[in-house]
Amino acid sequence: MSTNCVLQCCYLLSAHLAAAMSTNCVLQSCSLLAANLPEALNTSCTKCTDAQKSIIRRASRYLMENRASDWTEIADKFDPEHKHRDSFLKFIEQ
């Protein structure tokens, strides 16, 4: 399933966001998100492939611009002390 498809479809995006906040999602792409998002946020995606970096950047920008409260909730869950926030935001802007 393409990233653009998920971002454009409110239901799919909500399912993926719910997966990021828990592990209760039956879609494979949701499970992958929930498993990989914490590391991506905390390491600025250093272990990601170029394709994964592109997806993380696009999805993060979309959430920041269009669903800011969801973005804040996810970022606060995986980086509650804001230790990695600045470096991740720099990664997003590249």
C-alpha atoms as a PDB file:
ATOM      1  CA  MET A   1       0.000   0.000   0.000  1.00  0.00           C
ATOM      2  CA  SER A   2       1.469   3.335  -1.002  1.00  0.00           C
ATOM      3  CA  THR A   3       2.211   6.097   1.477  1.00  0.00           C
ATOM      4  CA  ASN A   4       0.175   8.558  -0.585  1.00  0.00           C
ATOM      5  CA  CYS A   5      -2.834   6.238  -0.441  1.00  0.00           C
ATOM      6  CA  VAL A   6      -2.613   6.024   3.346  1.00  0.00           C
ATOM      7  CA  LEU A   7      -2.176   9.778   3.767  1.00  0.00           C
ATOM      8  CA  GLN A   8      -5.103  10.554   1.447  1.00  0.00           C
ATOM      9  CA  CYS A   9      -7.547   8.097   3.035  1.00  0.00           C
ATOM     10  CA  CYS A  10      -8.747   9.248   6.453  1.00  0.00           C
ATOM     11  CA  TYR A  11      -9.708   5.719   7.568  1.00  0.00           C
ATOM     12  CA  LEU A  12      -6.341   4.203   6.630  1.00  0.00           C
ATOM     13  CA  LEU A  13      -4.417   7.064   8.164  1.00  0.00           C
ATOM     14  CA  SER A  14      -6.395   6.771  11.395  1.00  0.00           C
ATOM     15  CA  ALA A  15      -5.696   3.022  11.471  1.00  0.00           C
ATOM     16  CA  HIS A  16      -1.982   3.644  11.016  1.00  0.00           C
ATOM     17  CA  LEU A  17      -1.947   6.319  13.703  1.00  0.00           C
ATOM     18  CA  ALA A  18      -3.767   3.969  16.083  1.00  0.00           C
ATOM     19  CA  ALA A  19      -1.133   1.338  15.336  1.00  0.00           C
ATOM     20  CA  ALA A  20       1.607   3.780  16.186  1.00  0.00           C
ATOM     21  CA  MET A  21       0.004   4.314  19.570  1.00  0.00           C
ATOM     22  CA  SER A  22      -0.584   0.600  20.258  1.00  0.00           C
ATOM     23  CA  THR A  23      -0.071  -2.788  18.696  1.00  0.00           C
ATOM     24  CA  ASN A  24      -3.719  -3.464  17.816  1.00  0.00           C
ATOM     25  CA  CYS A  25      -3.819  -3.359  14.034  1.00  0.00           C
ATOM     26  CA  VAL A  26      -4.495  -6.158  11.595  1.00  0.00           C
ATOM     27  CA  LEU A  27      -3.003  -4.431   8.551  1.00  0.00           C
ATOM     28  CA  GLN A  28       0.596  -5.489   7.910  1.00  0.00           C
ATOM     29  CA  SER A  29       1.638  -1.909   7.126  1.00  0.00           C
ATOM     30  CA  CYS A  30       0.243  -0.785  10.516  1.00  0.00           C
ATOM     31  CA  SER A  31       2.255  -3.437  12.328  1.00  0.00           C
ATOM     32  CA  LEU A  32       5.411  -2.375  10.488  1.00  0.00           C
ATOM     33  CA  LEU A  33       4.798   1.240  11.437  1.00  0.00           C
ATOM     34  CA  ALA A  34       4.271   0.442  15.108  1.00  0.00           C
ATOM     35  CA  ALA A  35       7.412  -1.700  15.162  1.00  0.00           C
ATOM     36  CA  ASN A  36       9.702   0.796  13.416  1.00  0.00           C
ATOM     37  CA  LEU A  37       8.461   4.253  14.323  1.00  0.00           C
ATOM     38  CA  PRO A  38      10.058   4.487  17.793  1.00  0.00           C
ATOM     39  CA  GLU A  39      13.527   3.776  16.430  1.00  0.00           C
ATOM     40  CA  ALA A  40      13.045   6.129  13.489  1.00  0.00           C
ATOM     41  CA  LEU A  41      12.065   8.978  15.817  1.00  0.00           C
ATOM     42  CA  ASN A  42      14.837   8.315  18.307  1.00  0.00           C
ATOM     43  CA  THR A  43      17.644   7.842  15.784  1.00  0.00           C
ATOM     44  CA  SER A  44      16.499  10.189  12.994  1.00  0.00           C
ATOM     45  CA  CYS A  45      16.122   7.094  10.828  1.00  0.00           C
ATOM     46  CA  THR A  46      19.836   6.261  10.751  1.00  0.00           C
ATOM     47  CA  LYS A  47      19.130   2.586   9.988  1.00  0.00           C
ATOM     48  CA  CYS A  48      16.476   3.364   7.379  1.00  0.00           C
ATOM     49  CA  THR A  49      16.940   2.783   3.676  1.00  0.00           C
ATOM     50  CA  ASP A  50      16.685   5.779   1.354  1.00  0.00           C
ATOM     51  CA  ALA A  51      13.138   4.725   0.445  1.00  0.00           C
ATOM     52  CA  GLN A  52      12.160   4.462   4.119  1.00  0.00           C
ATOM     53  CA  LYS A  53      13.673   7.886   4.830  1.00  0.00           C
ATOM     54  CA  SER A  54      11.595   9.375   2.031  1.00  0.00           C
ATOM     55  CA  ILE A  55       8.413   7.799   3.407  1.00  0.00           C
ATOM     56  CA  ILE A  56       9.159   8.905   6.991  1.00  0.00           C
ATOM     57  CA  ARG A  57       9.842  12.464   5.827  1.00  0.00           C
ATOM     58  CA  ARG A  58       6.709  12.678   3.671  1.00  0.00           C
ATOM     59  CA  ALA A  59       4.430  11.143   6.295  1.00  0.00           C
ATOM     60  CA  SER A  60       5.891  13.236   9.118  1.00  0.00           C
ATOM     61  CA  ARG A  61       5.525  16.471   7.157  1.00  0.00           C
ATOM     62  CA  TYR A  62       1.941  15.582   6.286  1.00  0.00           C
ATOM     63  CA  LEU A  63       1.068  14.874   9.914  1.00  0.00           C
ATOM     64  CA  MET A  64       2.772  18.030  11.164  1.00  0.00           C
ATOM     65  CA  GLU A  65       0.900  20.168   8.625  1.00  0.00           C
ATOM     66  CA  ASN A  66      -2.490  18.439   8.547  1.00  0.00           C
ATOM     67  CA  ARG A  67      -2.909  16.513  11.797  1.00  0.00           C
ATOM     68  CA  ALA A  68      -0.708  18.356  14.256  1.00  0.00           C
ATOM     69  CA  SER A  69      -2.385  16.968  17.366  1.00  0.00           C
ATOM     70  CA  ASP A  70      -1.816  13.395  16.134  1.00  0.00           C
ATOM     71  CA  TRP A  71       1.810  14.209  15.382  1.00  0.00           C
ATOM     72  CA  THR A  72       2.311  15.692  18.849  1.00  0.00           C
ATOM     73  CA  GLU A  73       0.730  12.651  20.483  1.00  0.00           C
ATOM     74  CA  ILE A  74       3.002  10.246  18.599  1.00  0.00           C
ATOM     75  CA  ALA A  75       6.131  12.312  19.164  1.00  0.00           C
ATOM     76  CA  ASP A  76       5.356  12.663  22.875  1.00  0.00           C
ATOM     77  CA  LYS A  77       4.800   8.926  23.210  1.00  0.00           C
ATOM     78  CA  PHE A  78       8.111   7.926  21.638  1.00  0.00           C
ATOM     79  CA  ASP A  79      10.204  10.902  22.757  1.00  0.00           C
ATOM     80  CA  PRO A  80       8.522  12.090  25.980  1.00  0.00           C
ATOM     81  CA  GLU A  81      11.571  14.011  27.188  1.00  0.00           C
ATOM     82  CA  HIS A  82      12.103  15.687  23.788  1.00  0.00           C
ATOM     83  CA  LYS A  83      15.685  14.408  23.666  1.00  0.00           C
ATOM     84  CA  HIS A  84      15.559  13.611  19.958  1.00  0.00           C
ATOM     85  CA  ARG A  85      12.973  16.109  18.718  1.00  0.00           C
ATOM     86  CA  ASP A  86      15.374  18.696  17.294  1.00  0.00           C
ATOM     87  CA  SER A  87      17.517  16.149  15.458  1.00  0.00           C
ATOM     88  CA  PHE A  88      14.423  14.447  14.034  1.00  0.00           C
ATOM     89  CA  LEU A  89      13.007  17.772  12.837  1.00  0.00           C
ATOM     90  CA  LYS A  90      16.345  18.517  11.123  1.00  0.00           C
ATOM     91  CA  PHE A  91      16.175  15.077   9.486  1.00  0.00           C
ATOM     92  CA  ILE A  92      12.621  15.834   8.271  1.00  0.00           C
ATOM     93  CA  GLU A  93      13.734  19.144   6.728  1.00  0.00           C
ATOM     94  CA  GLN A  94      16.541  17.562   4.652  1.00  0.00           C
END
